[in-house]
Amino acid sequence: MSGQMIPFIIAAVAGITMAFQGAINSGLSKIIGLLEATFVVHVVGLILVTTLLFVFGLGDGSLARYAEAPWYYYIGGLLGVLIVYGVVRSIPQVGVAPATTAIILGQVLTAAAIDHLGLFGLKQIPFTWYRIAGVFLMSGGAFLLLKK
């Protein structure tokens, strides 16, 4: 296996994890409530990351450099709350596969726009006919998955 495949495998595992997370978080929300589940998910995540950083000394950066980052890099936490809330809200109503399909389609369309514009200091990757065709094919696949 080439070293170039590792990031794709990691991304696929993240996708698998996301499907489980959405289903598990939705189950928790049925018991304790939607906002309450969103809160608990983030507190548990905070405990894990705190343990990894400060107990095990993991991490490859320096928190002391936090002031060097532009302010908008810190909205990731807000976006995380919106993501968990949206996933937990949608899965019980439409199911894991349709919700995940809609999420992935939204991610790909937004990611393609971010790549095209080179936002947030990322390398600019312009739209090509192949990328546009890929987005249309994914959209068609999403339509078929969401069709009852």
N, C-alpha and C. Protein backbone atom coordinates (compact mmCIF):
# COMPACT_ATOMS: atom_id res chain seq x y z
N MET A 1 0.87 -1.18 0.00
CA MET A 1 0.00 0.00 0.00
C MET A 1 0.90 1.23 0.00
N SER A 2 0.59 2.18 -0.85
CA SER A 2 1.40 3.38 -0.93
C SER A 2 1.04 4.34 0.20
N GLY A 3 2.00 5.20 0.52
CA GLY A 3 1.78 6.19 1.57
C GLY A 3 0.69 7.17 1.23
N GLN A 4 0.37 7.29 -0.06
CA GLN A 4 -0.69 8.21 -0.47
C GLN A 4 -2.08 7.67 -0.12
N MET A 5 -2.19 6.40 0.12
CA MET A 5 -3.49 5.80 0.45
C MET A 5 -3.86 6.02 1.92
N ILE A 6 -2.88 6.23 2.77
CA ILE A 6 -3.14 6.35 4.21
C ILE A 6 -4.13 7.47 4.52
N PRO A 7 -3.97 8.68 3.96
CA PRO A 7 -4.98 9.71 4.26
C PRO A 7 -6.39 9.32 3.83
N PHE A 8 -6.51 8.59 2.73
CA PHE A 8 -7.84 8.16 2.28
C PHE A 8 -8.43 7.11 3.22
N ILE A 9 -7.59 6.23 3.72
CA ILE A 9 -8.05 5.23 4.67
C ILE A 9 -8.50 5.92 5.96
N ILE A 10 -7.72 6.88 6.42
CA ILE A 10 -8.09 7.64 7.63
C ILE A 10 -9.42 8.34 7.41
N ALA A 11 -9.60 8.95 6.23
CA ALA A 11 -10.86 9.63 5.92
C ALA A 11 -12.03 8.65 5.89
N ALA A 12 -11.81 7.47 5.33
CA ALA A 12 -12.87 6.46 5.28
C ALA A 12 -13.25 6.01 6.68
N VAL A 13 -12.25 5.82 7.54
CA VAL A 13 -12.52 5.44 8.92
C VAL A 13 -13.30 6.56 9.62
N ALA A 14 -12.96 7.81 9.33
CA ALA A 14 -13.71 8.93 9.90
C ALA A 14 -15.17 8.88 9.45
N GLY A 15 -15.39 8.54 8.19
CA GLY A 15 -16.76 8.41 7.69
C GLY A 15 -17.52 7.29 8.37
N ILE A 16 -16.85 6.16 8.56
CA ILE A 16 -17.47 5.03 9.27
C ILE A 16 -17.82 5.46 10.69
N THR A 17 -16.87 6.12 11.33
CA THR A 17 -17.07 6.59 12.71
C THR A 17 -18.24 7.57 12.78
N MET A 18 -18.35 8.43 11.77
CA MET A 18 -19.43 9.42 11.76
C MET A 18 -20.80 8.76 11.72
N ALA A 19 -20.93 7.68 10.95
CA ALA A 19 -22.22 6.98 10.88
C ALA A 19 -22.58 6.40 12.24
N PHE A 20 -21.60 5.78 12.91
CA PHE A 20 -21.85 5.25 14.25
C PHE A 20 -22.16 6.37 15.23
N GLN A 21 -21.37 7.46 15.14
CA GLN A 21 -21.56 8.58 16.07
C GLN A 21 -22.97 9.15 15.94
N GLY A 22 -23.42 9.36 14.71
CA GLY A 22 -24.75 9.91 14.51
C GLY A 22 -25.84 9.03 15.10
N ALA A 23 -25.71 7.72 14.87
CA ALA A 23 -26.71 6.80 15.40
C ALA A 23 -26.68 6.77 16.93
N ILE A 24 -25.48 6.71 17.50
CA ILE A 24 -25.33 6.66 18.96
C ILE A 24 -25.82 7.96 19.60
N ASN A 25 -25.41 9.10 19.03
CA ASN A 25 -25.83 10.39 19.58
C ASN A 25 -27.34 10.57 19.48
N SER A 26 -27.92 10.08 18.40
CA SER A 26 -29.38 10.17 18.26
C SER A 26 -30.07 9.34 19.33
N GLY A 27 -29.53 8.16 19.61
CA GLY A 27 -30.09 7.34 20.69
C GLY A 27 -29.99 8.04 22.03
N LEU A 28 -28.85 8.67 22.30
CA LEU A 28 -28.68 9.41 23.55
C LEU A 28 -29.68 10.57 23.64
N SER A 29 -29.91 11.24 22.51
CA SER A 29 -30.82 12.39 22.53
C SER A 29 -32.26 11.98 22.82
N LYS A 30 -32.64 10.76 22.45
CA LYS A 30 -33.98 10.28 22.76
C LYS A 30 -34.17 10.10 24.26
N ILE A 31 -33.06 9.84 24.96
CA ILE A 31 -33.15 9.61 26.40
C ILE A 31 -32.99 10.90 27.20
N ILE A 32 -31.98 11.72 26.82
CA ILE A 32 -31.71 12.91 27.65
C ILE A 32 -32.08 14.23 27.00
N GLY A 33 -32.41 14.23 25.70
CA GLY A 33 -32.77 15.46 25.00
C GLY A 33 -31.70 15.85 23.99
N LEU A 34 -32.11 16.65 23.01
CA LEU A 34 -31.26 17.00 21.87
C LEU A 34 -30.07 17.88 22.28
N LEU A 35 -30.35 19.02 22.88
CA LEU A 35 -29.25 19.90 23.31
C LEU A 35 -28.42 19.26 24.40
N GLU A 36 -29.07 18.50 25.26
CA GLU A 36 -28.35 17.81 26.33
C GLU A 36 -27.36 16.79 25.75
N ALA A 37 -27.79 16.06 24.73
CA ALA A 37 -26.90 15.09 24.09
C ALA A 37 -25.74 15.80 23.40
N THR A 38 -26.02 16.91 22.74
CA THR A 38 -24.97 17.69 22.10
C THR A 38 -23.95 18.14 23.14
N PHE A 39 -24.43 18.59 24.28
CA PHE A 39 -23.55 19.01 25.38
C PHE A 39 -22.69 17.85 25.88
N VAL A 40 -23.32 16.72 26.15
CA VAL A 40 -22.60 15.56 26.67
C VAL A 40 -21.53 15.09 25.69
N VAL A 41 -21.86 15.05 24.41
CA VAL A 41 -20.91 14.62 23.38
C VAL A 41 -19.65 15.50 23.43
N HIS A 42 -19.84 16.79 23.56
CA HIS A 42 -18.69 17.70 23.57
C HIS A 42 -17.92 17.64 24.88
N VAL A 43 -18.61 17.44 25.98
CA VAL A 43 -17.90 17.30 27.27
C VAL A 43 -17.04 16.03 27.25
N VAL A 44 -17.59 14.93 26.75
CA VAL A 44 -16.83 13.69 26.68
C VAL A 44 -15.62 13.87 25.76
N GLY A 45 -15.82 14.54 24.62
CA GLY A 45 -14.71 14.83 23.72
C GLY A 45 -13.65 15.71 24.38
N LEU A 46 -14.10 16.70 25.14
CA LEU A 46 -13.17 17.58 25.86
C LEU A 46 -12.34 16.79 26.86
N ILE A 47 -12.98 15.88 27.57
CA ILE A 47 -12.26 15.05 28.55
C ILE A 47 -11.21 14.19 27.84
N LEU A 48 -11.57 13.59 26.71
CA LEU A 48 -10.63 12.77 25.97
C LEU A 48 -9.43 13.58 25.50
N VAL A 49 -9.69 14.70 24.85
CA VAL A 49 -8.59 15.51 24.31
C VAL A 49 -7.73 16.08 25.44
N THR A 50 -8.35 16.49 26.53
CA THR A 50 -7.59 16.98 27.69
C THR A 50 -6.66 15.88 28.20
N THR A 51 -7.16 14.68 28.30
CA THR A 51 -6.35 13.55 28.76
C THR A 51 -5.19 13.29 27.79
N LEU A 52 -5.47 13.26 26.49
CA LEU A 52 -4.43 13.01 25.50
C LEU A 52 -3.34 14.08 25.54
N LEU A 53 -3.75 15.35 25.68
CA LEU A 53 -2.78 16.45 25.67
C LEU A 53 -2.00 16.56 26.97
N PHE A 54 -2.70 16.55 28.10
CA PHE A 54 -2.06 16.91 29.35
C PHE A 54 -1.64 15.72 30.22
N VAL A 55 -2.29 14.59 30.06
CA VAL A 55 -1.89 13.41 30.84
C VAL A 55 -0.84 12.60 30.07
N PHE A 56 -1.11 12.35 28.78
CA PHE A 56 -0.20 11.54 27.98
C PHE A 56 0.81 12.36 27.18
N GLY A 57 0.64 13.68 27.17
CA GLY A 57 1.59 14.55 26.49
C GLY A 57 1.60 14.41 24.98
N LEU A 58 0.49 13.95 24.43
CA LEU A 58 0.41 13.81 22.98
C LEU A 58 0.12 15.17 22.35
N GLY A 59 0.25 15.25 21.07
CA GLY A 59 0.05 16.49 20.34
C GLY A 59 1.35 16.88 19.68
N ASP A 60 1.26 17.55 18.57
CA ASP A 60 2.47 17.90 17.84
C ASP A 60 2.63 19.40 17.65
N GLY A 61 1.86 20.17 18.39
CA GLY A 61 1.93 21.62 18.26
C GLY A 61 2.21 22.27 19.60
N SER A 62 1.80 23.51 19.69
CA SER A 62 2.02 24.26 20.92
C SER A 62 0.81 25.14 21.18
N LEU A 63 0.12 24.88 22.27
CA LEU A 63 -1.03 25.72 22.63
C LEU A 63 -0.61 27.15 22.91
N ALA A 64 0.63 27.36 23.26
CA ALA A 64 1.11 28.71 23.55
C ALA A 64 1.06 29.62 22.33
N ARG A 65 0.94 29.04 21.14
CA ARG A 65 0.89 29.82 19.90
C ARG A 65 -0.54 30.17 19.47
N TYR A 66 -1.51 29.97 20.35
CA TYR A 66 -2.91 30.16 19.97
C TYR A 66 -3.20 31.55 19.43
N ALA A 67 -2.50 32.57 19.92
CA ALA A 67 -2.77 33.94 19.50
C ALA A 67 -2.32 34.20 18.06
N GLU A 68 -1.53 33.32 17.49
CA GLU A 68 -1.05 33.49 16.12
C GLU A 68 -2.12 33.14 15.08
N ALA A 69 -3.12 32.40 15.49
CA ALA A 69 -4.15 31.95 14.54
C ALA A 69 -5.18 33.05 14.34
N PRO A 70 -5.66 33.21 13.10
CA PRO A 70 -6.74 34.18 12.86
C PRO A 70 -7.99 33.81 13.65
N TRP A 71 -8.77 34.81 14.00
CA TRP A 71 -9.95 34.60 14.85
C TRP A 71 -10.90 33.56 14.27
N TYR A 72 -11.05 33.54 12.95
CA TYR A 72 -12.05 32.65 12.34
C TYR A 72 -11.65 31.18 12.41
N TYR A 73 -10.40 30.88 12.73
CA TYR A 73 -10.01 29.48 12.93
C TYR A 73 -10.60 28.91 14.21
N TYR A 74 -11.11 29.77 15.07
CA TYR A 74 -11.67 29.31 16.34
C TYR A 74 -13.17 29.04 16.28
N ILE A 75 -13.79 29.24 15.13
CA ILE A 75 -15.22 28.93 15.04
C ILE A 75 -15.47 27.44 14.82
N GLY A 76 -14.40 26.65 14.71
CA GLY A 76 -14.55 25.21 14.54
C GLY A 76 -15.37 24.58 15.65
N GLY A 77 -15.18 25.06 16.88
CA GLY A 77 -15.97 24.53 18.00
C GLY A 77 -17.45 24.83 17.83
N LEU A 78 -17.77 26.03 17.37
CA LEU A 78 -19.17 26.38 17.11
C LEU A 78 -19.74 25.49 15.99
N LEU A 79 -18.94 25.31 14.95
CA LEU A 79 -19.38 24.47 13.85
C LEU A 79 -19.58 23.03 14.31
N GLY A 80 -18.70 22.56 15.21
CA GLY A 80 -18.83 21.20 15.75
C GLY A 80 -20.15 21.01 16.47
N VAL A 81 -20.56 22.02 17.25
CA VAL A 81 -21.84 21.94 17.95
C VAL A 81 -22.98 21.90 16.93
N LEU A 82 -22.91 22.75 15.91
CA LEU A 82 -23.96 22.75 14.87
C LEU A 82 -24.01 21.42 14.14
N ILE A 83 -22.84 20.83 13.87
CA ILE A 83 -22.80 19.54 13.18
C ILE A 83 -23.46 18.46 14.02
N VAL A 84 -23.03 18.35 15.27
CA VAL A 84 -23.60 17.30 16.13
C VAL A 84 -25.10 17.52 16.28
N TYR A 85 -25.52 18.75 16.51
CA TYR A 85 -26.95 19.06 16.65
C TYR A 85 -27.70 18.65 15.38
N GLY A 86 -27.17 19.04 14.21
CA GLY A 86 -27.84 18.73 12.95
C GLY A 86 -27.94 17.24 12.69
N VAL A 87 -26.86 16.52 12.98
CA VAL A 87 -26.86 15.07 12.79
C VAL A 87 -27.87 14.42 13.74
N VAL A 88 -27.81 14.80 15.00
CA VAL A 88 -28.70 14.21 16.00
C VAL A 88 -30.15 14.55 15.70
N ARG A 89 -30.38 15.72 15.17
CA ARG A 89 -31.75 16.15 14.85
C ARG A 89 -32.30 15.41 13.62
N SER A 90 -31.45 15.17 12.62
CA SER A 90 -31.95 14.63 11.36
C SER A 90 -32.06 13.10 11.34
N ILE A 91 -31.14 12.40 11.97
CA ILE A 91 -31.11 10.94 11.86
C ILE A 91 -32.39 10.28 12.37
N PRO A 92 -32.95 10.66 13.51
CA PRO A 92 -34.19 9.99 13.95
C PRO A 92 -35.36 10.21 12.99
N GLN A 93 -35.32 11.30 12.25
CA GLN A 93 -36.45 11.61 11.36
C GLN A 93 -36.33 10.93 10.00
N VAL A 94 -35.08 10.79 9.48
CA VAL A 94 -34.94 10.25 8.13
C VAL A 94 -34.11 8.97 8.06
N GLY A 95 -33.39 8.64 9.12
CA GLY A 95 -32.54 7.45 9.13
C GLY A 95 -31.07 7.79 8.93
N VAL A 96 -30.21 6.85 9.28
CA VAL A 96 -28.77 7.09 9.22
C VAL A 96 -28.28 7.25 7.78
N ALA A 97 -28.66 6.34 6.88
CA ALA A 97 -28.16 6.40 5.50
C ALA A 97 -28.62 7.67 4.77
N PRO A 98 -29.90 8.02 4.79
CA PRO A 98 -30.30 9.25 4.09
C PRO A 98 -29.66 10.51 4.71
N ALA A 99 -29.60 10.58 6.03
CA ALA A 99 -29.00 11.75 6.65
C ALA A 99 -27.51 11.84 6.30
N THR A 100 -26.81 10.71 6.37
CA THR A 100 -25.39 10.71 6.05
C THR A 100 -25.16 11.05 4.58
N THR A 101 -26.04 10.59 3.71
CA THR A 101 -25.94 10.92 2.29
C THR A 101 -26.06 12.43 2.09
N ALA A 102 -27.04 13.03 2.72
CA ALA A 102 -27.22 14.48 2.60
C ALA A 102 -26.02 15.23 3.19
N ILE A 103 -25.51 14.74 4.31
CA ILE A 103 -24.34 15.35 4.94
C ILE A 103 -23.14 15.29 4.00
N ILE A 104 -22.88 14.12 3.43
CA ILE A 104 -21.72 13.95 2.56
C ILE A 104 -21.86 14.82 1.32
N LEU A 105 -23.05 14.88 0.75
CA LEU A 105 -23.26 15.72 -0.43
C LEU A 105 -22.99 17.18 -0.09
N GLY A 106 -23.51 17.63 1.05
CA GLY A 106 -23.22 19.01 1.49
C GLY A 106 -21.74 19.24 1.71
N GLN A 107 -21.06 18.24 2.30
CA GLN A 107 -19.62 18.36 2.53
C GLN A 107 -18.86 18.47 1.22
N VAL A 108 -19.18 17.62 0.26
CA VAL A 108 -18.45 17.60 -1.00
C VAL A 108 -18.66 18.90 -1.77
N LEU A 109 -19.89 19.38 -1.83
CA LEU A 109 -20.15 20.63 -2.55
C LEU A 109 -19.41 21.80 -1.90
N THR A 110 -19.46 21.86 -0.58
CA THR A 110 -18.77 22.94 0.14
C THR A 110 -17.26 22.79 0.01
N ALA A 111 -16.77 21.56 0.13
CA ALA A 111 -15.33 21.32 0.02
C ALA A 111 -14.81 21.70 -1.37
N ALA A 112 -15.58 21.40 -2.39
CA ALA A 112 -15.17 21.76 -3.76
C ALA A 112 -15.08 23.28 -3.91
N ALA A 113 -16.02 23.99 -3.32
CA ALA A 113 -15.98 25.46 -3.38
C ALA A 113 -14.78 26.00 -2.59
N ILE A 114 -14.52 25.44 -1.42
CA ILE A 114 -13.36 25.87 -0.62
C ILE A 114 -12.07 25.59 -1.38
N ASP A 115 -11.96 24.41 -1.98
CA ASP A 115 -10.78 24.09 -2.79
C ASP A 115 -10.63 25.07 -3.95
N HIS A 116 -11.71 25.30 -4.66
CA HIS A 116 -11.67 26.18 -5.84
C HIS A 116 -11.19 27.58 -5.47
N LEU A 117 -11.65 28.06 -4.33
CA LEU A 117 -11.30 29.42 -3.90
C LEU A 117 -10.00 29.47 -3.09
N GLY A 118 -9.52 28.32 -2.66
CA GLY A 118 -8.31 28.28 -1.85
C GLY A 118 -8.49 28.97 -0.50
N LEU A 119 -9.65 28.78 0.11
CA LEU A 119 -9.95 29.46 1.37
C LEU A 119 -9.12 28.91 2.53
N PHE A 120 -8.99 29.71 3.57
CA PHE A 120 -8.36 29.33 4.83
C PHE A 120 -6.90 28.91 4.66
N GLY A 121 -6.24 29.49 3.69
CA GLY A 121 -4.82 29.21 3.49
C GLY A 121 -4.54 27.87 2.84
N LEU A 122 -5.58 27.21 2.33
CA LEU A 122 -5.39 25.92 1.68
C LEU A 122 -4.99 26.10 0.22
N LYS A 123 -4.37 25.09 -0.33
CA LYS A 123 -3.96 25.11 -1.73
C LYS A 123 -5.20 25.23 -2.61
N GLN A 124 -5.12 26.11 -3.60
CA GLN A 124 -6.24 26.30 -4.50
C GLN A 124 -6.26 25.16 -5.52
N ILE A 125 -7.41 24.48 -5.59
CA ILE A 125 -7.60 23.39 -6.54
C ILE A 125 -8.83 23.74 -7.37
N PRO A 126 -8.61 24.26 -8.58
CA PRO A 126 -9.75 24.74 -9.37
C PRO A 126 -10.69 23.62 -9.81
N PHE A 127 -11.93 24.02 -10.06
CA PHE A 127 -12.90 23.10 -10.63
C PHE A 127 -12.39 22.65 -11.99
N THR A 128 -12.58 21.39 -12.28
CA THR A 128 -12.32 20.86 -13.62
C THR A 128 -13.61 20.15 -14.03
N TRP A 129 -13.66 19.78 -15.29
CA TRP A 129 -14.86 19.06 -15.76
C TRP A 129 -15.00 17.74 -15.02
N TYR A 130 -13.88 17.12 -14.68
CA TYR A 130 -13.94 15.86 -13.93
C TYR A 130 -14.54 16.06 -12.55
N ARG A 131 -14.13 17.11 -11.88
CA ARG A 131 -14.66 17.39 -10.53
C ARG A 131 -16.14 17.74 -10.61
N ILE A 132 -16.50 18.54 -11.59
CA ILE A 132 -17.92 18.90 -11.77
C ILE A 132 -18.74 17.64 -12.06
N ALA A 133 -18.23 16.78 -12.96
CA ALA A 133 -18.94 15.53 -13.27
C ALA A 133 -19.06 14.66 -12.02
N GLY A 134 -18.00 14.61 -11.21
CA GLY A 134 -18.04 13.83 -9.98
C GLY A 134 -19.11 14.33 -9.02
N VAL A 135 -19.23 15.66 -8.91
CA VAL A 135 -20.26 16.23 -8.04
C VAL A 135 -21.66 15.89 -8.56
N PHE A 136 -21.85 15.97 -9.87
CA PHE A 136 -23.15 15.62 -10.45
C PHE A 136 -23.47 14.13 -10.26
N LEU A 137 -22.46 13.28 -10.42
CA LEU A 137 -22.68 11.85 -10.22
C LEU A 137 -23.03 11.55 -8.76
N MET A 138 -22.32 12.22 -7.84
CA MET A 138 -22.65 12.03 -6.42
C MET A 138 -24.07 12.53 -6.13
N SER A 139 -24.43 13.65 -6.73
CA SER A 139 -25.77 14.19 -6.52
C SER A 139 -26.82 13.21 -7.04
N GLY A 140 -26.56 12.61 -8.20
CA GLY A 140 -27.49 11.61 -8.74
C GLY A 140 -27.58 10.39 -7.83
N GLY A 141 -26.44 9.95 -7.32
CA GLY A 141 -26.42 8.83 -6.38
C GLY A 141 -27.17 9.17 -5.10
N ALA A 142 -26.97 10.38 -4.61
CA ALA A 142 -27.68 10.80 -3.41
C ALA A 142 -29.19 10.81 -3.66
N PHE A 143 -29.59 11.30 -4.83
CA PHE A 143 -31.02 11.32 -5.17
C PHE A 143 -31.59 9.90 -5.14
N LEU A 144 -30.85 8.95 -5.71
CA LEU A 144 -31.33 7.57 -5.74
C LEU A 144 -31.38 6.97 -4.34
N LEU A 145 -30.39 7.28 -3.51
CA LEU A 145 -30.40 6.77 -2.13
C LEU A 145 -31.54 7.36 -1.30
N LEU A 146 -31.87 8.61 -1.58
CA LEU A 146 -32.90 9.29 -0.80
C LEU A 146 -34.30 9.02 -1.31
N LYS A 147 -34.41 8.51 -2.54
CA LYS A 147 -35.73 8.22 -3.14
C LYS A 147 -36.36 7.02 -2.43
N LYS A 148 -37.64 7.14 -2.13
CA LYS A 148 -38.34 6.05 -1.43
C LYS A 148 -39.04 5.15 -2.42
